[in-house]
Amino acid sequence: MNQDLLGRVALITGAGAGIGRETARQMGERGAIVCVNDLKEELVAPVVDEIRARGGQAFAIVQNIASREGIREAIQRSFDLGGRRFDILVNNAAWVRYQSIPEIAPETVDRMLDVGFKSVIWSLQEAVAVMDPERGGAIVNVASVAALRSAANSVVYSGIKSGVLGITRAAAAELGARNIRVNAVCPSAVPTEGTQRNRNAERDANRVARTPLGRLGTVEDIAQSICFLASDHAGFVTAQALTVDGGITLTNI
């Protein structure tokens, strides 16, 4: 794999599993100094060990980023561990529950907003403070095709992911003058530990049948797109929402 992220300091939130974990692996292979964030040491440590075993550089950031103080601590530690640099932020962390409208509970809304929406705002604020004003940086927010095409029982999730796209566009408009690019990826449902509870063989087969490329996406597919948006290959790309879904969102086959 190429070294297009060589020497860049990257923080990936929610990197103990799924898309975040694969993004951390790929960024490590591309030469980044990877700060792997998640809630628990047992989630973070294996990812850090794997990156290091492959010859990469990685650090554990065990931190709850569901508060302004938590995200501040995570970014500051990444800045310090990276040798007074901070280049890439991937807002991947999420806590998700699907509920019908009558079932939506205040505690569910609060937690989903804290992890999936508010943390994106606070992380932008903190990242801007430590990114070099001349060198700039790249921020990639993990949204979802649910921001573009929603299903039943997803009012809170779809609302939050739609909001993430709004944050992405507004931040890109504001931060372009500082050479900070802000983009989002919108994955379709990919098999991960977190999506397992909402998947079954029949549902997966239906998705495959409706997808022009004839398969489900993978965490590798999504991570490659994130790495592209974080790299200089996307140096003139900002305010974009890259849909990574095999074509299912915008086609009807």
C-alpha atoms as a PDB file:
ATOM      1  CA  MET A   1       0.000   0.000   0.000  1.00  0.00           C
ATOM      2  CA  ASN A   2       1.221   3.523  -0.760  1.00  0.00           C
ATOM      3  CA  GLN A   3       2.475   5.929   1.883  1.00  0.00           C
ATOM      4  CA  ASP A   4       0.239   8.867   1.004  1.00  0.00           C
ATOM      5  CA  LEU A   5      -0.403   9.641   4.697  1.00  0.00           C
ATOM      6  CA  LEU A   6       3.215   9.373   5.780  1.00  0.00           C
ATOM      7  CA  GLY A   7       3.878  11.308   8.970  1.00  0.00           C
ATOM      8  CA  ARG A   8       0.317  12.607   9.309  1.00  0.00           C
ATOM      9  CA  VAL A   9      -1.178  12.458  12.787  1.00  0.00           C
ATOM     10  CA  ALA A  10      -4.700  11.038  12.677  1.00  0.00           C
ATOM     11  CA  LEU A  11      -7.334  10.552  15.362  1.00  0.00           C
ATOM     12  CA  ILE A  12     -10.122   8.083  14.598  1.00  0.00           C
ATOM     13  CA  THR A  13     -12.985   8.005  17.075  1.00  0.00           C
ATOM     14  CA  GLY A  14     -14.816   4.756  17.712  1.00  0.00           C
ATOM     15  CA  ALA A  15     -11.866   2.846  16.243  1.00  0.00           C
ATOM     16  CA  GLY A  16     -12.142  -0.278  18.383  1.00  0.00           C
ATOM     17  CA  ALA A  17     -14.383  -2.065  15.898  1.00  0.00           C
ATOM     18  CA  GLY A  18     -15.954  -1.973  12.458  1.00  0.00           C
ATOM     19  CA  ILE A  19     -15.289   0.902  10.079  1.00  0.00           C
ATOM     20  CA  GLY A  20     -13.176   2.777  12.617  1.00  0.00           C
ATOM     21  CA  ARG A  21     -10.898  -0.175  13.257  1.00  0.00           C
ATOM     22  CA  GLU A  22     -10.347  -0.813   9.549  1.00  0.00           C
ATOM     23  CA  THR A  23      -9.701   2.884   8.933  1.00  0.00           C
ATOM     24  CA  ALA A  24      -7.062   2.859  11.675  1.00  0.00           C
ATOM     25  CA  ARG A  25      -5.402  -0.199  10.106  1.00  0.00           C
ATOM     26  CA  GLN A  26      -5.349   1.306   6.635  1.00  0.00           C
ATOM     27  CA  MET A  27      -4.064   4.674   7.807  1.00  0.00           C
ATOM     28  CA  GLY A  28      -1.305   2.903   9.699  1.00  0.00           C
ATOM     29  CA  GLU A  29      -0.311   1.056   6.533  1.00  0.00           C
ATOM     30  CA  ARG A  30      -0.309   4.349   4.638  1.00  0.00           C
ATOM     31  CA  GLY A  31       2.236   5.822   7.044  1.00  0.00           C
ATOM     32  CA  ALA A  32       0.036   7.835   9.403  1.00  0.00           C
ATOM     33  CA  ILE A  33       0.681   8.119  13.131  1.00  0.00           C
ATOM     34  CA  VAL A  34      -2.650   6.685  14.237  1.00  0.00           C
ATOM     35  CA  CYS A  35      -4.390   7.651  17.480  1.00  0.00           C
ATOM     36  CA  VAL A  36      -6.948   4.923  18.092  1.00  0.00           C
ATOM     37  CA  ASN A  37      -9.892   6.041  20.199  1.00  0.00           C
ATOM     38  CA  ASP A  38     -12.610   4.044  21.899  1.00  0.00           C
ATOM     39  CA  LEU A  39     -14.253   3.637  25.285  1.00  0.00           C
ATOM     40  CA  LYS A  40     -12.326   0.638  26.574  1.00  0.00           C
ATOM     41  CA  GLU A  41      -8.709  -0.488  26.654  1.00  0.00           C
ATOM     42  CA  GLU A  42      -9.683  -3.984  25.504  1.00  0.00           C
ATOM     43  CA  LEU A  43     -11.118  -2.505  22.301  1.00  0.00           C
ATOM     44  CA  VAL A  44      -8.249  -0.156  21.551  1.00  0.00           C
ATOM     45  CA  ALA A  45      -5.187  -2.230  22.513  1.00  0.00           C
ATOM     46  CA  PRO A  46      -5.554  -4.967  19.831  1.00  0.00           C
ATOM     47  CA  VAL A  47      -5.845  -2.355  17.083  1.00  0.00           C
ATOM     48  CA  VAL A  48      -2.769  -0.510  18.300  1.00  0.00           C
ATOM     49  CA  ASP A  49      -0.842  -3.787  18.588  1.00  0.00           C
ATOM     50  CA  GLU A  50      -1.812  -4.836  15.068  1.00  0.00           C
ATOM     51  CA  ILE A  51      -0.715  -1.536  13.525  1.00  0.00           C
ATOM     52  CA  ARG A  52       2.596  -1.685  15.358  1.00  0.00           C
ATOM     53  CA  ALA A  53       3.108  -5.346  14.396  1.00  0.00           C
ATOM     54  CA  ARG A  54       2.828  -4.279  10.758  1.00  0.00           C
ATOM     55  CA  GLY A  55       5.507  -1.635  11.242  1.00  0.00           C
ATOM     56  CA  GLY A  56       3.211   1.330  11.767  1.00  0.00           C
ATOM     57  CA  GLN A  57       2.934   3.896  14.534  1.00  0.00           C
ATOM     58  CA  ALA A  58      -0.124   3.912  16.779  1.00  0.00           C
ATOM     59  CA  PHE A  59      -1.235   5.124  20.191  1.00  0.00           C
ATOM     60  CA  ALA A  60      -4.226   4.259  22.361  1.00  0.00           C
ATOM     61  CA  ILE A  61      -6.661   7.029  23.252  1.00  0.00           C
ATOM     62  CA  VAL A  62      -9.069   5.449  25.740  1.00  0.00           C
ATOM     63  CA  GLN A  63     -11.623   8.193  26.159  1.00  0.00           C
ATOM     64  CA  ASN A  64     -15.383   8.739  26.108  1.00  0.00           C
ATOM     65  CA  ILE A  65     -15.879  11.385  23.433  1.00  0.00           C
ATOM     66  CA  ALA A  66     -19.581  11.882  24.231  1.00  0.00           C
ATOM     67  CA  SER A  67     -18.833  15.166  25.994  1.00  0.00           C
ATOM     68  CA  ARG A  68     -17.005  18.356  25.127  1.00  0.00           C
ATOM     69  CA  GLU A  69     -14.408  17.619  27.804  1.00  0.00           C
ATOM     70  CA  GLY A  70     -13.900  14.084  26.499  1.00  0.00           C
ATOM     71  CA  ILE A  71     -13.312  15.107  22.901  1.00  0.00           C
ATOM     72  CA  ARG A  72     -11.016  17.920  24.047  1.00  0.00           C
ATOM     73  CA  GLU A  73      -8.903  15.424  25.980  1.00  0.00           C
ATOM     74  CA  ALA A  74      -8.786  12.962  23.064  1.00  0.00           C
ATOM     75  CA  ILE A  75      -7.629  15.580  20.560  1.00  0.00           C
ATOM     76  CA  GLN A  76      -5.130  17.166  22.930  1.00  0.00           C
ATOM     77  CA  ARG A  77      -3.574  13.786  23.681  1.00  0.00           C
ATOM     78  CA  SER A  78      -3.393  13.005  19.969  1.00  0.00           C
ATOM     79  CA  PHE A  79      -1.694  16.345  19.397  1.00  0.00           C
ATOM     80  CA  ASP A  80       0.838  15.669  22.164  1.00  0.00           C
ATOM     81  CA  LEU A  81       1.545  12.053  21.187  1.00  0.00           C
ATOM     82  CA  GLY A  82       1.979  12.999  17.550  1.00  0.00           C
ATOM     83  CA  GLY A  83       4.929  15.235  18.279  1.00  0.00           C
ATOM     84  CA  ARG A  84       3.148  18.613  18.261  1.00  0.00           C
ATOM     85  CA  ARG A  85       1.238  17.894  15.061  1.00  0.00           C
ATOM     86  CA  PHE A  86      -2.366  17.126  14.249  1.00  0.00           C
ATOM     87  CA  ASP A  87      -3.484  16.581  10.683  1.00  0.00           C
ATOM     88  CA  ILE A  88      -6.483  14.269  10.322  1.00  0.00           C
ATOM     89  CA  LEU A  89      -9.699  13.799  12.276  1.00  0.00           C
ATOM     90  CA  VAL A  90     -12.169  11.026  11.508  1.00  0.00           C
ATOM     91  CA  ASN A  91     -15.462  11.399  13.350  1.00  0.00           C
ATOM     92  CA  ASN A  92     -16.626   7.798  13.265  1.00  0.00           C
ATOM     93  CA  ALA A  93     -17.993   7.112  16.756  1.00  0.00           C
ATOM     94  CA  ALA A  94     -21.710   6.443  17.046  1.00  0.00           C
ATOM     95  CA  TRP A  95     -24.232   4.901  19.396  1.00  0.00           C
ATOM     96  CA  VAL A  96     -27.314   3.719  17.542  1.00  0.00           C
ATOM     97  CA  ARG A  97     -30.765   2.452  18.430  1.00  0.00           C
ATOM     98  CA  TYR A  98     -33.603   2.036  15.950  1.00  0.00           C
ATOM     99  CA  GLN A  99     -37.045   2.694  17.424  1.00  0.00           C
ATOM    100  CA  SER A 100     -40.499   3.454  16.106  1.00  0.00           C
ATOM    101  CA  ILE A 101     -41.755   6.956  16.819  1.00  0.00           C
ATOM    102  CA  PRO A 102     -43.935   5.923  19.805  1.00  0.00           C
ATOM    103  CA  GLU A 103     -40.990   4.035  21.328  1.00  0.00           C
ATOM    104  CA  ILE A 104     -38.398   6.818  21.163  1.00  0.00           C
ATOM    105  CA  ALA A 105     -37.108   7.486  24.658  1.00  0.00           C
ATOM    106  CA  PRO A 106     -35.419  10.700  25.890  1.00  0.00           C
ATOM    107  CA  GLU A 107     -32.330   8.825  27.099  1.00  0.00           C
ATOM    108  CA  THR A 108     -31.918   7.242  23.651  1.00  0.00           C
ATOM    109  CA  VAL A 109     -32.099  10.617  21.913  1.00  0.00           C
ATOM    110  CA  ASP A 110     -29.694  12.196  24.382  1.00  0.00           C
ATOM    111  CA  ARG A 111     -27.049   9.494  24.040  1.00  0.00           C
ATOM    112  CA  MET A 112     -27.276   9.321  20.250  1.00  0.00           C
ATOM    113  CA  LEU A 113     -26.984  13.098  20.024  1.00  0.00           C
ATOM    114  CA  ASP A 114     -24.033  13.218  22.419  1.00  0.00           C
ATOM    115  CA  VAL A 115     -22.009  10.585  20.573  1.00  0.00           C
ATOM    116  CA  GLY A 116     -23.092  11.075  16.973  1.00  0.00           C
ATOM    117  CA  PHE A 117     -23.846  14.784  16.664  1.00  0.00           C
ATOM    118  CA  LYS A 118     -22.550  16.973  19.476  1.00  0.00           C
ATOM    119  CA  SER A 119     -19.152  15.279  19.455  1.00  0.00           C
ATOM    120  CA  VAL A 120     -18.754  16.224  15.789  1.00  0.00           C
ATOM    121  CA  ILE A 121     -19.261  19.889  16.662  1.00  0.00           C
ATOM    122  CA  TRP A 122     -16.908  19.812  19.655  1.00  0.00           C
ATOM    123  CA  SER A 123     -14.278  17.871  17.715  1.00  0.00           C
ATOM    124  CA  LEU A 124     -14.276  20.476  14.953  1.00  0.00           C
ATOM    125  CA  GLN A 125     -13.767  23.189  17.530  1.00  0.00           C
ATOM    126  CA  GLU A 126     -10.879  21.378  19.189  1.00  0.00           C
ATOM    127  CA  ALA A 127      -9.230  20.179  15.964  1.00  0.00           C
ATOM    128  CA  VAL A 128      -9.138  23.675  14.496  1.00  0.00           C
ATOM    129  CA  ALA A 129      -7.285  24.870  17.582  1.00  0.00           C
ATOM    130  CA  VAL A 130      -4.408  22.425  17.058  1.00  0.00           C
ATOM    131  CA  MET A 131      -4.186  22.124  13.267  1.00  0.00           C
ATOM    132  CA  ASP A 132      -1.411  24.159  11.715  1.00  0.00           C
ATOM    133  CA  PRO A 133      -2.944  27.298  10.141  1.00  0.00           C
ATOM    134  CA  GLU A 134      -0.690  27.047   7.089  1.00  0.00           C
ATOM    135  CA  ARG A 135      -0.464  23.281   6.615  1.00  0.00           C
ATOM    136  CA  GLY A 136      -4.167  22.808   7.381  1.00  0.00           C
ATOM    137  CA  GLY A 137      -5.675  19.371   7.663  1.00  0.00           C
ATOM    138  CA  ALA A 138      -8.505  17.051   6.740  1.00  0.00           C
ATOM    139  CA  ILE A 139     -11.662  16.137   8.627  1.00  0.00           C
ATOM    140  CA  VAL A 140     -13.845  13.227   7.551  1.00  0.00           C
ATOM    141  CA  ASN A 141     -17.243  12.703   9.139  1.00  0.00           C
ATOM    142  CA  VAL A 142     -18.882   9.298   8.882  1.00  0.00           C
ATOM    143  CA  ALA A 143     -22.528   9.895   7.989  1.00  0.00           C
ATOM    144  CA  SER A 144     -24.821   7.340   6.328  1.00  0.00           C
ATOM    145  CA  VAL A 145     -27.054   6.776   3.333  1.00  0.00           C
ATOM    146  CA  ALA A 146     -29.798   7.200   5.950  1.00  0.00           C
ATOM    147  CA  ALA A 147     -29.134  10.926   5.569  1.00  0.00           C
ATOM    148  CA  LEU A 148     -30.230  10.625   1.941  1.00  0.00           C
ATOM    149  CA  ARG A 149     -32.858   7.905   1.929  1.00  0.00           C
ATOM    150  CA  SER A 150     -34.530   6.888   5.180  1.00  0.00           C
ATOM    151  CA  ALA A 151     -36.437   3.864   6.415  1.00  0.00           C
ATOM    152  CA  ALA A 152     -39.001   3.329   9.143  1.00  0.00           C
ATOM    153  CA  ASN A 153     -37.835   3.269  12.777  1.00  0.00           C
ATOM    154  CA  SER A 154     -34.902   5.568  12.043  1.00  0.00           C
ATOM    155  CA  VAL A 155     -36.171   9.043  12.899  1.00  0.00           C
ATOM    156  CA  VAL A 156     -33.381   9.819  15.367  1.00  0.00           C
ATOM    157  CA  TYR A 157     -30.603   8.123  13.386  1.00  0.00           C
ATOM    158  CA  SER A 158     -31.600   9.669  10.060  1.00  0.00           C
ATOM    159  CA  GLY A 159     -31.990  13.073  11.677  1.00  0.00           C
ATOM    160  CA  ILE A 160     -28.540  12.923  13.235  1.00  0.00           C
ATOM    161  CA  LYS A 161     -26.808  11.729  10.079  1.00  0.00           C
ATOM    162  CA  SER A 162     -28.581  14.419   8.038  1.00  0.00           C
ATOM    163  CA  GLY A 163     -27.312  16.912  10.586  1.00  0.00           C
ATOM    164  CA  VAL A 164     -23.776  15.584  10.171  1.00  0.00           C
ATOM    165  CA  LEU A 165     -23.968  16.427   6.464  1.00  0.00           C
ATOM    166  CA  GLY A 166     -25.112  19.944   7.332  1.00  0.00           C
ATOM    167  CA  ILE A 167     -22.217  20.337   9.752  1.00  0.00           C
ATOM    168  CA  THR A 168     -19.839  19.063   7.070  1.00  0.00           C
ATOM    169  CA  ARG A 169     -20.918  21.635   4.493  1.00  0.00           C
ATOM    170  CA  ALA A 170     -20.965  24.557   6.927  1.00  0.00           C
ATOM    171  CA  ALA A 171     -17.585  23.662   8.413  1.00  0.00           C
ATOM    172  CA  ALA A 172     -16.062  23.317   4.951  1.00  0.00           C
ATOM    173  CA  ALA A 173     -17.290  26.804   4.065  1.00  0.00           C
ATOM    174  CA  GLU A 174     -15.825  28.273   7.227  1.00  0.00           C
ATOM    175  CA  LEU A 175     -12.538  26.388   7.414  1.00  0.00           C
ATOM    176  CA  GLY A 176     -11.437  26.472   3.795  1.00  0.00           C
ATOM    177  CA  ALA A 177      -9.541  29.695   4.438  1.00  0.00           C
ATOM    178  CA  ARG A 178      -7.434  27.768   6.975  1.00  0.00           C
ATOM    179  CA  ASN A 179      -6.698  25.044   4.394  1.00  0.00           C
ATOM    180  CA  ILE A 180      -8.821  22.556   6.358  1.00  0.00           C
ATOM    181  CA  ARG A 181     -10.939  20.320   4.175  1.00  0.00           C
ATOM    182  CA  VAL A 182     -14.139  18.838   5.628  1.00  0.00           C
ATOM    183  CA  ASN A 183     -15.913  15.951   3.919  1.00  0.00           C
ATOM    184  CA  ALA A 184     -18.235  13.093   4.780  1.00  0.00           C
ATOM    185  CA  VAL A 185     -18.731   9.518   3.695  1.00  0.00           C
ATOM    186  CA  CYS A 186     -22.204   7.988   3.504  1.00  0.00           C
ATOM    187  CA  PRO A 187     -21.903   4.205   3.762  1.00  0.00           C
ATOM    188  CA  SER A 188     -24.742   1.815   3.161  1.00  0.00           C
ATOM    189  CA  ALA A 189     -25.244  -0.957   5.708  1.00  0.00           C
ATOM    190  CA  VAL A 190     -22.043  -2.982   5.919  1.00  0.00           C
ATOM    191  CA  PRO A 191     -21.502  -6.076   8.063  1.00  0.00           C
ATOM    192  CA  THR A 192     -19.936  -5.033  11.382  1.00  0.00           C
ATOM    193  CA  GLU A 193     -20.345  -5.936  15.009  1.00  0.00           C
ATOM    194  CA  GLY A 194     -22.533  -2.876  15.478  1.00  0.00           C
ATOM    195  CA  THR A 195     -24.930  -3.595  12.599  1.00  0.00           C
ATOM    196  CA  GLN A 196     -25.343  -7.294  13.345  1.00  0.00           C
ATOM    197  CA  ARG A 197     -28.475  -6.823  15.468  1.00  0.00           C
ATOM    198  CA  ASN A 198     -30.295  -5.162  12.550  1.00  0.00           C
ATOM    199  CA  ARG A 199     -29.299  -7.675   9.881  1.00  0.00           C
ATOM    200  CA  ASN A 200     -30.513 -11.102   8.815  1.00  0.00           C
ATOM    201  CA  ALA A 201     -30.016 -13.322   5.790  1.00  0.00           C
ATOM    202  CA  GLU A 202     -33.264 -12.282   4.114  1.00  0.00           C
ATOM    203  CA  ARG A 203     -32.589  -8.586   4.530  1.00  0.00           C
ATOM    204  CA  ASP A 204     -29.014  -8.943   3.272  1.00  0.00           C
ATOM    205  CA  ALA A 205     -30.183 -10.900   0.222  1.00  0.00           C
ATOM    206  CA  ASN A 206     -32.715  -8.182  -0.555  1.00  0.00           C
ATOM    207  CA  ARG A 207     -30.017  -5.493  -0.336  1.00  0.00           C
ATOM    208  CA  VAL A 208     -27.704  -7.465  -2.611  1.00  0.00           C
ATOM    209  CA  ALA A 209     -30.490  -7.926  -5.162  1.00  0.00           C
ATOM    210  CA  ARG A 210     -31.117  -4.170  -5.257  1.00  0.00           C
ATOM    211  CA  THR A 211     -27.448  -3.158  -5.433  1.00  0.00           C
ATOM    212  CA  PRO A 212     -26.052  -2.599  -8.947  1.00  0.00           C
ATOM    213  CA  LEU A 213     -22.647  -3.975  -7.927  1.00  0.00           C
ATOM    214  CA  GLY A 214     -24.318  -7.133  -6.622  1.00  0.00           C
ATOM    215  CA  ARG A 215     -22.823  -7.350  -3.135  1.00  0.00           C
ATOM    216  CA  LEU A 216     -22.824  -5.796   0.293  1.00  0.00           C
ATOM    217  CA  GLY A 217     -20.182  -3.236   1.071  1.00  0.00           C
ATOM    218  CA  THR A 218     -17.335  -4.006   3.452  1.00  0.00           C
ATOM    219  CA  VAL A 219     -15.482  -2.063   6.106  1.00  0.00           C
ATOM    220  CA  GLU A 220     -12.526  -2.105   3.721  1.00  0.00           C
ATOM    221  CA  ASP A 221     -14.579  -0.274   1.084  1.00  0.00           C
ATOM    222  CA  ILE A 222     -15.555   2.464   3.505  1.00  0.00           C
ATOM    223  CA  ALA A 223     -12.085   2.820   5.037  1.00  0.00           C
ATOM    224  CA  GLN A 224     -10.483   3.220   1.612  1.00  0.00           C
ATOM    225  CA  SER A 225     -12.852   6.090   0.861  1.00  0.00           C
ATOM    226  CA  ILE A 226     -12.076   7.745   4.196  1.00  0.00           C
ATOM    227  CA  CYS A 227      -8.342   7.434   3.553  1.00  0.00           C
ATOM    228  CA  PHE A 228      -8.776   8.965   0.104  1.00  0.00           C
ATOM    229  CA  LEU A 229     -10.634  11.988   1.508  1.00  0.00           C
ATOM    230  CA  ALA A 230      -7.975  12.400   4.199  1.00  0.00           C
ATOM    231  CA  SER A 231      -5.114  12.323   1.694  1.00  0.00           C
ATOM    232  CA  ASP A 232      -3.662  14.867  -0.716  1.00  0.00           C
ATOM    233  CA  HIS A 233      -5.298  12.912  -3.565  1.00  0.00           C
ATOM    234  CA  ALA A 234      -8.456  14.744  -2.447  1.00  0.00           C
ATOM    235  CA  GLY A 235      -6.621  18.048  -2.053  1.00  0.00           C
ATOM    236  CA  PHE A 236      -9.299  20.020  -3.932  1.00  0.00           C
ATOM    237  CA  VAL A 237     -12.246  18.152  -2.453  1.00  0.00           C
ATOM    238  CA  THR A 238     -14.239  19.693   0.378  1.00  0.00           C
ATOM    239  CA  ALA A 239     -17.889  20.004   1.491  1.00  0.00           C
ATOM    240  CA  GLN A 240     -18.666  16.689  -0.190  1.00  0.00           C
ATOM    241  CA  ALA A 241     -20.708  13.682   0.913  1.00  0.00           C
ATOM    242  CA  LEU A 242     -19.223  10.635  -0.789  1.00  0.00           C
ATOM    243  CA  THR A 243     -21.841   7.897  -1.025  1.00  0.00           C
ATOM    244  CA  VAL A 244     -20.206   4.468  -0.759  1.00  0.00           C
ATOM    245  CA  ASP A 245     -23.068   2.062  -1.330  1.00  0.00           C
ATOM    246  CA  GLY A 246     -22.569   0.085  -4.538  1.00  0.00           C
ATOM    247  CA  GLY A 247     -25.134   2.311  -6.228  1.00  0.00           C
ATOM    248  CA  ILE A 248     -28.184   1.277  -4.200  1.00  0.00           C
ATOM    249  CA  THR A 249     -29.239   4.739  -3.009  1.00  0.00           C
ATOM    250  CA  LEU A 250     -29.592   6.439  -6.392  1.00  0.00           C
ATOM    251  CA  THR A 251     -30.802   3.540  -8.528  1.00  0.00           C
ATOM    252  CA  ASN A 252     -33.858   1.341  -8.678  1.00  0.00           C
ATOM    253  CA  ILE A 253     -33.049  -2.022 -10.245  1.00  0.00           C
END
